[in-house]
């Protein structure tokens, strides 16, 4: 992880985190996992992909996920997203269903959300790594503290930001967000286990854009992938 580069505009806010004891322990843990021959996703160059694709000054929307995908070839450092050529996972399919319902446009069947990230959507997972085929395997190793620091930095932005918190985990993660300054939209998670309980029909994508436009910011083209 020491060779990973983080964009300069993010380093201004996050550089102190890399010197803290929790981050040193996290580096040691990841090195030990590698030494033990364990497969860790995503690949090293993609661990900080969310920040390196969405510049701090450009953030308009934050979507908080939990773990990276733990299947081979799925994780590339953006929450809910998979690389081109990898079939969209079930949660992402439900996200597309909601966009199709709101905008009446059939979504492409690529699962790569890089276009959103480049438009200012920070696709942030709470954990930035995971062991292959073991969901939650890198929880409580330090990533939560780092990604809390990311959310705190965004929370301090002067410009209004929309936070999309889907599911109880994301809602707890974003509990400290200043709701007087930013728009926080909450619903059940888009997982097939819970999407029918209120994710589908939540109207979050249009609500986010209406808020951005109201505050003089360019809306996100959610249908552009």
Protein backbone atom coordinates (compact mmCIF):
# COMPACT_ATOMS: atom_id res chain seq x y z
CA UNK A 1 0.00 0.00 0.00
CA UNK A 2 2.99 2.32 0.48
CA UNK A 3 3.35 2.65 -3.30
CA UNK A 4 -0.23 3.82 -3.78
CA UNK A 5 -0.62 7.39 -4.99
CA UNK A 6 -3.48 9.54 -3.80
CA UNK A 7 -4.53 12.63 -5.74
CA UNK A 8 -3.04 15.85 -4.38
CA UNK A 9 -6.36 17.54 -3.63
CA UNK A 10 -7.30 14.58 -1.40
CA UNK A 11 -3.88 14.44 0.25
CA UNK A 12 -4.45 17.94 1.61
CA UNK A 13 -7.19 16.42 3.78
CA UNK A 14 -6.07 12.82 4.24
CA UNK A 15 -2.27 12.88 4.43
CA UNK A 16 -2.26 12.97 8.28
CA UNK A 17 -4.24 9.71 8.32
CA UNK A 18 -1.34 7.81 6.75
CA UNK A 19 0.88 8.60 9.74
CA UNK A 20 -1.59 7.44 12.39
CA UNK A 21 -1.09 4.14 14.27
CA UNK A 22 -4.24 2.54 12.84
CA UNK A 23 -2.97 3.03 9.30
CA UNK A 24 0.43 1.55 10.15
CA UNK A 25 -1.33 -1.51 11.59
CA UNK A 26 -3.52 -1.73 8.49
CA UNK A 27 -0.45 -1.67 6.22
CA UNK A 28 1.13 -4.45 8.30
CA UNK A 29 -2.07 -6.50 8.13
CA UNK A 30 -2.30 -6.20 4.34
CA UNK A 31 1.39 -7.07 3.95
CA UNK A 32 0.92 -10.15 6.14
CA UNK A 33 -2.11 -11.24 4.11
CA UNK A 34 -0.06 -10.97 0.93
CA UNK A 35 2.87 -12.83 2.49
CA UNK A 36 0.50 -15.62 3.53
CA UNK A 37 -0.51 -16.06 -0.11
CA UNK A 38 -4.03 -14.74 0.34
CA UNK A 39 -5.76 -13.02 -2.57
CA UNK A 40 -6.92 -9.49 -1.76
CA UNK A 41 -9.32 -7.41 -3.86
CA UNK A 42 -9.15 -4.94 -5.48
CA UNK A 43 -5.64 -4.85 -6.89
CA UNK A 44 -3.33 -2.35 -5.22
CA UNK A 45 -3.61 0.31 -7.92
CA UNK A 46 -7.41 0.39 -7.46
CA UNK A 47 -7.62 0.59 -3.65
CA UNK A 48 -8.02 4.37 -3.69
CA UNK A 49 -9.85 4.49 -7.03
CA UNK A 50 -12.86 6.32 -5.56
CA UNK A 51 -10.73 9.30 -4.53
CA UNK A 52 -8.46 9.19 -7.57
CA UNK A 53 -11.41 9.22 -9.99
CA UNK A 54 -13.51 11.84 -8.18
CA UNK A 55 -11.51 14.94 -7.24
CA UNK A 56 -12.37 16.44 -3.86
CA UNK A 57 -13.41 19.77 -5.36
CA UNK A 58 -15.75 18.05 -7.83
CA UNK A 59 -17.83 16.02 -5.35
CA UNK A 60 -21.59 16.48 -5.71
CA UNK A 61 -22.93 13.13 -4.50
CA UNK A 62 -21.57 10.45 -2.15
CA UNK A 63 -22.82 6.84 -2.32
CA UNK A 64 -21.58 4.79 0.63
CA UNK A 65 -21.13 1.05 0.24
CA UNK A 66 -19.75 -1.49 2.71
CA UNK A 67 -17.31 -4.10 1.33
CA UNK A 68 -15.66 -4.32 -2.07
CA UNK A 69 -17.03 -7.19 -4.14
CA UNK A 70 -15.12 -10.36 -3.21
CA UNK A 71 -15.48 -12.31 -6.46
CA UNK A 72 -12.65 -12.55 -8.98
CA UNK A 73 -12.46 -9.53 -11.30
CA UNK A 74 -15.36 -7.67 -9.68
CA UNK A 75 -13.84 -5.05 -7.38
CA UNK A 76 -12.12 -1.99 -8.83
CA UNK A 77 -12.36 0.50 -6.00
CA UNK A 78 -15.77 2.06 -6.70
CA UNK A 79 -18.77 1.12 -4.57
CA UNK A 80 -21.45 -0.91 -6.40
CA UNK A 81 -19.37 -0.79 -9.61
CA UNK A 82 -17.65 -3.58 -11.55
CA UNK A 83 -15.23 -3.28 -14.49
CA UNK A 84 -16.38 -3.37 -18.09
CA UNK A 85 -17.12 -6.93 -19.16
CA UNK A 86 -18.16 -8.12 -15.69
CA UNK A 87 -21.93 -8.71 -15.33
CA UNK A 88 -23.66 -6.20 -13.01
CA UNK A 89 -24.25 -7.78 -9.57
CA UNK A 90 -27.81 -8.01 -8.18
CA UNK A 91 -27.67 -4.79 -6.12
CA UNK A 92 -26.49 -2.82 -9.13
CA UNK A 93 -29.25 -4.32 -11.27
CA UNK A 94 -31.77 -2.96 -8.75
CA UNK A 95 -30.06 0.45 -8.85
CA UNK A 96 -30.52 0.41 -12.62
CA UNK A 97 -34.17 -0.59 -12.22
CA UNK A 98 -34.75 2.46 -10.04
CA UNK A 99 -33.04 4.78 -12.54
CA UNK A 100 -35.09 3.26 -15.37
CA UNK A 101 -38.26 3.86 -13.35
CA UNK A 102 -37.36 7.48 -12.60
CA UNK A 103 -36.09 8.48 -16.04
CA UNK A 104 -37.85 6.06 -18.41
CA UNK A 105 -34.53 5.14 -20.01
CA UNK A 106 -33.24 1.59 -20.43
CA UNK A 107 -29.86 1.35 -18.71
CA UNK A 108 -26.89 -0.20 -20.56
CA UNK A 109 -25.85 -3.54 -19.13
CA UNK A 110 -22.31 -2.53 -18.27
CA UNK A 111 -21.62 -2.42 -14.56
CA UNK A 112 -18.84 0.15 -14.74
CA UNK A 113 -19.86 3.36 -12.93
CA UNK A 114 -16.68 5.30 -13.73
CA UNK A 115 -18.77 7.84 -15.67
CA UNK A 116 -20.66 8.70 -12.49
CA UNK A 117 -17.38 9.06 -10.58
CA UNK A 118 -16.03 11.44 -13.22
CA UNK A 119 -19.21 13.55 -12.93
CA UNK A 120 -18.67 14.03 -9.19
CA UNK A 121 -20.21 10.95 -7.57
CA UNK A 122 -17.86 9.63 -4.86
CA UNK A 123 -18.43 5.87 -4.85
CA UNK A 124 -16.99 5.10 -1.43
CA UNK A 125 -16.89 1.73 0.31
CA UNK A 126 -16.41 1.67 4.08
CA UNK A 127 -13.71 -1.00 3.66
CA UNK A 128 -11.34 -0.56 0.74
CA UNK A 129 -10.06 -4.15 0.60
CA UNK A 130 -11.40 -7.68 1.13
CA UNK A 131 -10.06 -11.23 0.99
CA UNK A 132 -11.22 -13.22 -2.03
CA UNK A 133 -14.55 -14.97 -1.45
CA UNK A 134 -14.77 -13.80 2.18
CA UNK A 135 -17.24 -10.94 2.68
CA UNK A 136 -16.39 -8.69 5.61
CA UNK A 137 -12.93 -10.22 6.05
CA UNK A 138 -11.18 -6.83 6.36
CA UNK A 139 -13.64 -5.22 8.74
CA UNK A 140 -12.25 -3.65 11.93
CA UNK A 141 -8.72 -3.51 10.54
CA UNK A 142 -8.59 0.27 10.19
CA UNK A 143 -10.40 1.02 6.95
CA UNK A 144 -13.51 2.26 8.77
CA UNK A 145 -11.45 4.94 10.50
CA UNK A 146 -9.90 6.04 7.21
CA UNK A 147 -13.21 6.23 5.37
CA UNK A 148 -14.75 8.12 8.31
CA UNK A 149 -12.00 10.68 7.71
CA UNK A 150 -12.99 10.83 4.03
CA UNK A 151 -16.65 11.46 4.94
CA UNK A 152 -15.67 14.08 7.55
CA UNK A 153 -13.63 15.93 4.94
CA UNK A 154 -16.58 15.97 2.51
CA UNK A 155 -18.91 17.00 5.34
CA UNK A 156 -16.74 20.10 5.88
CA UNK A 157 -17.09 21.23 2.26
CA UNK A 158 -18.78 24.60 1.83
CA UNK A 159 -20.70 23.43 -1.23
CA UNK A 160 -23.83 21.36 -0.58
CA UNK A 161 -23.42 17.64 -1.27
CA UNK A 162 -26.01 14.84 -1.56
CA UNK A 163 -25.33 11.71 0.53
CA UNK A 164 -27.16 8.55 -0.54
CA UNK A 165 -27.27 6.17 2.43
CA UNK A 166 -28.77 2.83 1.45
CA UNK A 167 -29.17 0.29 4.22
CA UNK A 168 -28.54 0.44 7.96
CA UNK A 169 -24.77 0.14 7.68
CA UNK A 170 -24.43 3.21 5.45
CA UNK A 171 -26.91 5.12 7.60
CA UNK A 172 -24.87 4.48 10.76
CA UNK A 173 -21.69 5.37 8.87
CA UNK A 174 -23.19 8.72 7.85
CA UNK A 175 -24.91 9.53 11.13
CA UNK A 176 -22.64 12.53 11.82
CA UNK A 177 -23.23 14.27 8.47
CA UNK A 178 -24.45 17.87 8.84
CA UNK A 179 -28.01 17.70 7.56
CA UNK A 180 -28.38 21.47 7.80
CA UNK A 181 -25.66 21.88 5.17
CA UNK A 182 -26.10 18.78 3.00
CA UNK A 183 -28.95 16.62 1.71
CA UNK A 184 -29.04 13.11 3.21
CA UNK A 185 -31.34 10.61 1.50
CA UNK A 186 -31.90 7.26 3.21
CA UNK A 187 -33.65 4.05 2.14
CA UNK A 188 -33.26 0.29 2.42
CA UNK A 189 -30.31 -1.29 0.59
CA UNK A 190 -30.68 -2.21 -3.13
CA UNK A 191 -29.83 -5.84 -2.35
CA UNK A 192 -32.49 -8.30 -3.58
CA UNK A 193 -33.10 -9.10 0.10
CA UNK A 194 -34.30 -5.58 0.87
CA UNK A 195 -34.83 -3.55 -2.32
CA UNK A 196 -38.59 -4.23 -2.32
CA UNK A 197 -38.87 -2.74 1.18
CA UNK A 198 -38.35 0.80 -0.05
CA UNK A 199 -35.27 1.12 -2.22
CA UNK A 200 -37.29 0.60 -5.39
CA UNK A 201 -39.44 3.69 -5.69
CA UNK A 202 -37.29 5.90 -3.43
CA UNK A 203 -36.80 8.54 -6.15
CA UNK A 204 -33.28 9.27 -4.93
CA UNK A 205 -31.68 9.94 -8.30
CA UNK A 206 -34.14 12.66 -9.32
CA UNK A 207 -34.21 14.08 -5.78
CA UNK A 208 -30.42 14.35 -5.82
CA UNK A 209 -30.44 16.20 -9.13
CA UNK A 210 -33.26 18.53 -8.09
CA UNK A 211 -31.23 19.48 -5.01
CA UNK A 212 -28.05 20.05 -7.04
CA UNK A 213 -29.87 22.24 -9.55
CA UNK A 214 -31.55 24.20 -6.77
CA UNK A 215 -28.08 25.01 -5.45
CA UNK A 216 -26.68 25.99 -8.84
CA UNK A 217 -24.78 22.77 -9.48
CA UNK A 218 -24.83 20.69 -12.67
CA UNK A 219 -26.97 17.55 -12.21
CA UNK A 220 -25.62 14.04 -12.66
CA UNK A 221 -26.49 12.17 -15.84
CA UNK A 222 -27.32 8.88 -14.14
CA UNK A 223 -28.11 7.21 -17.48
CA UNK A 224 -24.62 7.88 -18.86
CA UNK A 225 -22.28 4.90 -18.41
